[in-house]
N, C-alpha and C. Protein backbone atom coordinates (compact mmCIF):
# COMPACT_ATOMS: atom_id res chain seq x y z
N MET A 1 0.68 -1.42 0.01
CA MET A 1 0.29 0.00 -0.28
C MET A 1 1.08 1.28 0.04
N ARG A 2 0.89 1.92 -0.97
CA ARG A 2 1.42 3.34 -1.25
C ARG A 2 0.52 4.28 -0.01
N ASN A 3 1.72 4.91 1.13
CA ASN A 3 1.71 6.14 1.44
C ASN A 3 0.88 7.20 0.64
N TYR A 4 0.17 7.95 1.92
CA TYR A 4 -0.93 9.43 1.32
C TYR A 4 -0.01 10.46 2.01
N LEU A 5 0.78 10.57 0.73
CA LEU A 5 1.54 12.07 0.91
C LEU A 5 1.55 13.38 0.73
N LYS A 6 1.46 14.24 1.31
CA LYS A 6 0.97 15.39 1.08
C LYS A 6 2.72 16.31 1.26
N LEU A 7 2.22 17.59 0.07
CA LEU A 7 3.20 18.82 0.01
C LEU A 7 2.59 20.20 0.07
N LEU A 8 3.77 20.61 0.38
CA LEU A 8 3.57 22.43 0.23
C LEU A 8 4.68 22.63 -0.46
N VAL A 9 3.96 23.75 -1.45
CA VAL A 9 5.02 24.38 -2.30
C VAL A 9 4.99 25.87 -1.84
N ILE A 10 6.20 26.30 -1.53
CA ILE A 10 5.53 27.95 -1.04
C ILE A 10 6.94 28.48 -2.51
N ASP A 11 6.66 29.40 -2.92
CA ASP A 11 7.06 30.14 -3.88
C ASP A 11 6.70 31.40 -4.91
N ASP A 12 7.60 32.68 -4.70
CA ASP A 12 6.68 33.59 -5.01
C ASP A 12 6.93 33.78 -6.34
N GLU A 13 7.22 32.76 -7.27
CA GLU A 13 7.07 32.69 -8.68
C GLU A 13 6.04 31.49 -9.09
N LYS A 14 4.94 32.18 -9.23
CA LYS A 14 3.84 31.25 -9.60
C LYS A 14 3.94 29.94 -10.51
N ASP A 15 4.49 30.67 -11.68
CA ASP A 15 5.14 29.40 -12.83
C ASP A 15 5.63 28.34 -12.56
N ILE A 16 6.70 28.78 -10.97
CA ILE A 16 7.68 27.81 -10.47
C ILE A 16 6.81 26.72 -9.41
N CYS A 17 5.73 27.55 -9.02
CA CYS A 17 4.69 26.79 -8.31
C CYS A 17 4.06 25.27 -9.39
N GLN A 18 3.30 26.35 -10.27
CA GLN A 18 2.77 24.89 -11.43
C GLN A 18 3.25 24.08 -11.50
N LEU A 19 4.83 24.31 -11.56
CA LEU A 19 5.58 22.86 -12.75
C LEU A 19 6.09 22.23 -11.71
N LEU A 20 6.50 22.87 -10.35
CA LEU A 20 6.66 22.24 -9.47
C LEU A 20 4.90 20.92 -9.28
N LYS A 21 4.49 21.63 -9.30
CA LYS A 21 2.87 20.90 -9.01
C LYS A 21 2.94 19.52 -9.89
N ARG A 22 3.30 20.12 -11.58
CA ARG A 22 2.67 19.21 -12.34
C ARG A 22 3.89 18.36 -12.45
N MET A 23 5.64 18.67 -11.86
CA MET A 23 5.74 17.20 -11.91
C MET A 23 6.21 15.89 -10.73
N LEU A 24 5.25 16.85 -9.63
CA LEU A 24 5.55 16.05 -8.54
C LEU A 24 4.17 15.35 -7.86
N SER A 25 3.38 15.79 -8.73
CA SER A 25 2.30 15.52 -8.64
C SER A 25 1.75 13.71 -8.85
N LYS A 26 2.82 13.31 -9.38
CA LYS A 26 2.39 11.11 -9.45
C LYS A 26 3.26 10.65 -8.24
N TYR A 27 4.21 11.87 -7.08
CA TYR A 27 4.75 11.28 -6.45
C TYR A 27 3.98 11.90 -4.97
N TYR A 28 2.90 12.78 -5.42
CA TYR A 28 1.89 13.37 -3.74
C TYR A 28 0.76 13.18 -4.29
N GLU A 29 -0.51 13.02 -3.30
CA GLU A 29 -2.03 12.51 -3.24
C GLU A 29 -2.21 14.13 -3.18
N GLU A 30 -1.73 15.48 -2.33
CA GLU A 30 -1.74 16.15 -2.00
C GLU A 30 -0.99 17.37 -2.51
N ILE A 31 -0.96 18.05 -3.23
CA ILE A 31 -0.11 19.35 -3.05
C ILE A 31 -1.19 20.25 -3.34
N GLN A 32 -0.21 21.30 -2.33
CA GLN A 32 -0.49 22.84 -1.63
C GLN A 32 0.07 24.05 -2.23
N ILE A 33 0.01 25.15 -2.69
CA ILE A 33 0.68 25.58 -3.13
C ILE A 33 0.82 27.01 -2.45
N GLY A 34 1.71 27.94 -2.35
CA GLY A 34 1.23 29.38 -1.89
C GLY A 34 2.37 30.25 -2.10
N HIS A 35 2.31 31.31 -1.52
CA HIS A 35 3.41 32.55 -2.25
C HIS A 35 3.97 33.32 -1.32
N THR A 36 3.80 33.22 0.25
CA THR A 36 4.12 34.34 1.07
C THR A 36 4.77 33.08 2.11
N LEU A 37 5.27 33.55 3.11
CA LEU A 37 5.49 33.14 4.34
C LEU A 37 4.07 33.13 5.41
N GLU A 38 3.16 34.31 5.22
CA GLU A 38 1.86 34.21 5.70
C GLU A 38 1.02 33.35 5.15
N ASP A 39 1.11 32.60 3.86
CA ASP A 39 0.21 31.56 3.28
C ASP A 39 1.08 30.22 4.08
N ALA A 40 2.74 30.06 4.04
CA ALA A 40 3.14 28.97 4.10
C ALA A 40 2.11 28.21 5.58
N MET A 41 2.52 29.48 6.70
CA MET A 41 2.09 29.14 8.20
C MET A 41 0.54 28.50 7.72
N ARG A 42 -0.20 29.50 7.14
CA ARG A 42 -1.63 29.40 7.27
C ARG A 42 -1.90 28.02 6.07
N LEU A 43 -1.74 27.63 5.37
CA LEU A 43 -1.59 26.29 4.86
C LEU A 43 -1.18 25.45 5.64
N LEU A 44 0.29 25.53 6.75
CA LEU A 44 0.56 23.99 7.19
C LEU A 44 -0.42 23.63 8.56
N LYS A 45 -0.66 24.81 8.96
CA LYS A 45 -1.93 24.43 9.69
C LYS A 45 -3.14 23.68 9.45
N GLU A 46 -3.37 24.32 7.96
CA GLU A 46 -4.90 23.95 7.78
C GLU A 46 -4.32 23.01 6.68
N HIS A 47 -3.39 22.34 6.08
CA HIS A 47 -2.90 20.30 5.37
C HIS A 47 -1.92 19.82 6.22
N ASN A 48 -1.14 20.13 7.15
CA ASN A 48 -0.02 19.29 7.55
C ASN A 48 0.48 18.73 6.41
N PRO A 49 1.28 19.10 5.97
CA PRO A 49 2.16 18.75 5.00
C PRO A 49 3.04 17.51 5.23
N ASP A 50 3.38 16.02 4.35
CA ASP A 50 4.94 15.87 4.95
C ASP A 50 5.90 16.51 4.99
N HIS A 51 5.56 17.38 3.45
CA HIS A 51 7.21 17.77 3.21
C HIS A 51 6.63 19.69 3.22
N LEU A 52 7.41 19.99 2.74
CA LEU A 52 7.80 21.87 2.75
C LEU A 52 8.54 22.37 1.43
N LEU A 53 8.25 22.42 0.46
CA LEU A 53 9.02 23.15 -0.63
C LEU A 53 9.53 24.58 -0.45
N LEU A 54 10.15 25.24 0.63
CA LEU A 54 10.07 26.73 0.92
C LEU A 54 11.51 27.52 -0.10
N ASP A 55 10.63 28.51 -0.73
CA ASP A 55 11.42 29.02 -1.43
C ASP A 55 12.61 29.64 -0.57
N ASN A 56 13.55 30.65 -0.23
CA ASN A 56 13.90 31.96 0.48
C ASN A 56 13.55 33.18 0.35
N ASN A 57 13.63 33.63 -0.55
CA ASN A 57 13.34 35.39 -1.05
C ASN A 57 11.86 34.99 -1.73
N LEU A 58 11.17 35.50 -0.41
CA LEU A 58 9.64 35.81 -0.08
C LEU A 58 8.85 37.31 -0.44
N PRO A 59 8.35 37.46 -0.95
CA PRO A 59 7.75 38.77 -0.57
C PRO A 59 7.61 39.49 0.70
N ASP A 60 7.36 38.70 1.66
CA ASP A 60 7.14 38.97 3.05
C ASP A 60 7.72 38.74 4.04
N GLY A 61 9.59 38.16 3.75
CA GLY A 61 10.64 37.96 3.92
C GLY A 61 11.27 36.56 3.94
N GLU A 62 12.08 36.15 4.42
CA GLU A 62 13.22 34.66 3.95
C GLU A 62 12.63 33.53 4.77
N GLY A 63 12.49 32.34 3.63
CA GLY A 63 12.01 31.60 4.09
C GLY A 63 12.44 30.46 5.19
N VAL A 64 13.75 30.62 5.32
CA VAL A 64 14.96 30.29 6.51
C VAL A 64 14.20 30.64 7.66
N LYS A 65 13.79 32.33 7.96
CA LYS A 65 13.15 32.59 9.55
C LYS A 65 11.72 31.57 10.29
N ILE A 66 11.70 30.82 9.05
CA ILE A 66 10.09 30.57 9.84
C ILE A 66 10.64 28.77 9.75
N ILE A 67 11.85 28.24 9.63
CA ILE A 67 11.58 27.19 9.81
C ILE A 67 11.52 26.40 11.19
N LYS A 68 11.79 26.99 12.06
CA LYS A 68 11.89 26.32 13.46
C LYS A 68 10.54 26.31 14.04
N THR A 69 9.64 27.36 13.95
CA THR A 69 8.13 27.86 13.73
C THR A 69 7.40 26.60 13.22
N CYS A 70 7.62 26.32 11.87
CA CYS A 70 6.87 25.44 11.15
C CYS A 70 7.18 24.04 11.30
N LYS A 71 8.52 23.44 12.10
CA LYS A 71 8.75 22.68 12.74
C LYS A 71 8.47 22.21 14.13
N ALA A 72 8.06 23.24 14.54
CA ALA A 72 7.27 23.37 16.22
C ALA A 72 5.80 22.60 16.28
N PHE A 73 5.78 23.45 14.71
CA PHE A 73 3.56 23.29 14.73
C PHE A 73 4.18 22.07 14.90
N SER A 74 4.48 21.17 13.69
CA SER A 74 4.56 20.53 13.06
C SER A 74 6.20 19.25 13.00
N PRO A 75 6.84 18.56 14.19
CA PRO A 75 7.93 17.94 14.15
C PRO A 75 8.47 16.95 13.14
N GLU A 76 7.27 16.50 12.43
CA GLU A 76 7.86 15.09 11.48
C GLU A 76 8.01 15.66 10.33
N LEU A 77 7.44 17.03 10.10
CA LEU A 77 7.67 17.95 8.67
C LEU A 77 8.92 18.01 8.27
N LYS A 78 9.28 17.76 6.98
CA LYS A 78 10.44 17.54 6.37
C LYS A 78 10.46 18.96 5.73
N VAL A 79 11.61 19.78 5.55
CA VAL A 79 12.19 21.02 5.07
C VAL A 79 12.80 20.89 4.36
N ILE A 80 12.87 21.57 2.59
CA ILE A 80 13.60 21.61 1.66
C ILE A 80 13.43 22.95 1.28
N VAL A 81 14.50 23.61 1.67
CA VAL A 81 14.77 25.26 0.74
C VAL A 81 15.54 25.02 -0.22
N PHE A 82 14.51 26.19 -1.34
CA PHE A 82 15.57 26.59 -2.70
C PHE A 82 15.56 27.77 -2.26
N SER A 83 16.69 28.17 -3.50
CA SER A 83 17.50 29.91 -3.92
C SER A 83 18.06 29.38 -4.59
N ALA A 84 18.12 30.68 -4.88
CA ALA A 84 19.25 31.62 -6.30
C ALA A 84 20.65 31.35 -5.64
N MET A 85 20.28 31.75 -4.71
CA MET A 85 21.60 32.56 -3.38
C MET A 85 21.90 31.19 -2.74
N ASP A 86 23.51 30.89 -2.58
CA ASP A 86 24.15 29.94 -2.10
C ASP A 86 23.74 30.07 -0.05
N ILE A 87 22.90 29.71 0.31
CA ILE A 87 22.75 29.77 1.78
C ILE A 87 22.33 28.17 2.04
N HIS A 88 23.14 27.65 1.85
CA HIS A 88 23.06 26.04 2.12
C HIS A 88 23.52 25.79 3.64
N GLU A 89 24.14 26.38 3.85
CA GLU A 89 25.31 26.21 5.25
C GLU A 89 23.12 27.25 6.23
N GLU A 90 23.13 28.25 6.23
CA GLU A 90 21.89 28.92 6.57
C GLU A 90 20.72 28.27 6.30
N ALA A 91 20.60 27.71 5.47
CA ALA A 91 19.80 26.44 5.89
C ALA A 91 19.41 25.42 6.47
N ILE A 92 20.52 24.75 6.75
CA ILE A 92 20.78 23.93 7.60
C ILE A 92 20.60 24.09 8.69
N THR A 93 21.57 25.35 8.85
CA THR A 93 21.67 25.97 10.77
C THR A 93 20.07 25.50 10.83
N SER A 94 19.52 27.03 10.02
CA SER A 94 18.26 26.99 10.26
C SER A 94 16.95 25.98 10.68
N GLY A 95 17.50 24.66 10.51
CA GLY A 95 16.30 23.51 10.61
C GLY A 95 16.30 22.50 9.42
N ALA A 96 16.29 23.31 8.36
CA ALA A 96 16.41 22.95 6.82
C ALA A 96 16.39 21.17 6.59
N ASP A 97 15.89 20.41 6.50
CA ASP A 97 16.71 19.05 6.28
C ASP A 97 17.41 18.72 4.71
N SER A 98 17.03 19.81 3.72
CA SER A 98 17.84 19.78 2.45
C SER A 98 18.11 20.98 2.19
N PHE A 99 18.62 21.32 1.09
CA PHE A 99 19.10 22.31 0.04
C PHE A 99 19.08 22.03 -1.02
N ILE A 100 18.59 22.86 -1.77
CA ILE A 100 18.38 23.02 -3.28
C ILE A 100 18.78 24.53 -3.92
N SER A 101 20.17 24.06 -4.72
CA SER A 101 19.88 25.68 -5.89
C SER A 101 18.69 25.66 -6.52
N LYS A 102 18.58 26.78 -7.43
CA LYS A 102 17.64 27.30 -8.35
C LYS A 102 18.57 27.48 -9.53
N PRO A 103 18.36 27.46 -10.76
CA PRO A 103 17.05 26.86 -11.24
C PRO A 103 17.30 25.05 -10.55
N ILE A 104 16.01 24.85 -10.07
CA ILE A 104 15.64 23.07 -9.56
C ILE A 104 16.31 22.36 -10.75
N TYR A 105 16.67 21.51 -10.38
CA TYR A 105 17.08 20.03 -11.34
C TYR A 105 16.43 18.86 -10.56
N LEU A 106 14.90 18.58 -11.32
CA LEU A 106 14.31 17.55 -11.19
C LEU A 106 14.64 16.51 -10.21
N PRO A 107 15.83 15.33 -11.26
CA PRO A 107 16.47 14.73 -9.94
C PRO A 107 17.29 15.55 -8.42
N ASN A 108 17.49 16.30 -8.61
CA ASN A 108 18.20 16.28 -7.20
C ASN A 108 17.60 16.80 -6.37
N LEU A 109 16.07 17.25 -6.94
CA LEU A 109 14.90 17.35 -5.78
C LEU A 109 14.30 16.01 -5.49
N LEU A 110 13.94 15.33 -6.36
CA LEU A 110 13.60 13.95 -6.08
C LEU A 110 14.38 13.50 -5.26
N ARG A 111 15.82 13.29 -5.37
CA ARG A 111 16.42 12.88 -4.04
C ARG A 111 16.36 13.25 -2.90
N ALA A 112 16.69 14.42 -3.04
CA ALA A 112 16.73 15.21 -1.52
C ALA A 112 14.76 14.55 -0.51
N LEU A 113 14.15 14.60 -1.88
CA LEU A 113 13.09 14.25 -1.19
C LEU A 113 12.80 12.19 -0.36
N GLN A 114 13.50 11.47 -1.41
CA GLN A 114 13.29 10.29 -1.32
C GLN A 114 14.43 9.92 -0.14
N ALA A 115 15.18 11.08 0.28
CA ALA A 115 16.38 10.99 1.50
C ALA A 115 15.18 10.84 2.88
N LYS A 116 14.44 11.59 2.10
CA LYS A 116 14.03 12.06 3.46
C LYS A 116 12.27 11.15 4.17
N THR A 117 11.96 10.06 2.72
CA THR A 117 10.73 9.89 3.01
C THR A 117 10.38 8.28 2.31
N ALA A 118 9.20 7.89 2.35
CA ALA A 118 9.27 6.38 1.94
C ALA A 118 8.52 6.97 -0.08
N LEU A 119 9.21 8.20 -0.43
CA LEU A 119 8.85 8.43 -1.81
C LEU A 119 9.39 7.40 -2.99
N ARG A 120 8.38 7.08 -3.28
CA ARG A 120 8.69 6.54 -4.78
C ARG A 120 8.40 6.49 -6.15
C-alpha cells in the first residue's frame, strides 16, 4: 500500500509553483501552493503536509526565518529550502533537512525528497 503524502510548495514565482506541482503530482496525493510566508503558515496549519518546499526569498521575508516555527507546529515535517543564492549552511543551521539551488534540477529534488521519506 502506498503512503498518502502531502506536499506544500511556497514560492513567489507562480510559474515555478505550477511546474513543481505538475512534476511532483505523481509522487504526492495532495499538493498545496502558496506564495508568501503568511501563506506557508496558514497552509501548514490547514493541511499538515509531510514535506515543505520553501523558497527563501519571498515578498514578506526569508523562508529560513520560519523553519523552526514550522517544525515546532509539525515536528515530523521535512523542509527543503531552495534559492538562487548560496544559503546552504544557513538553511541547514535554521533547521532545513535539505537545500537545493535554483534553478531546480528535478533529479536533485527527487533525491532530496526520497532521502527524507518513502517517496517512490
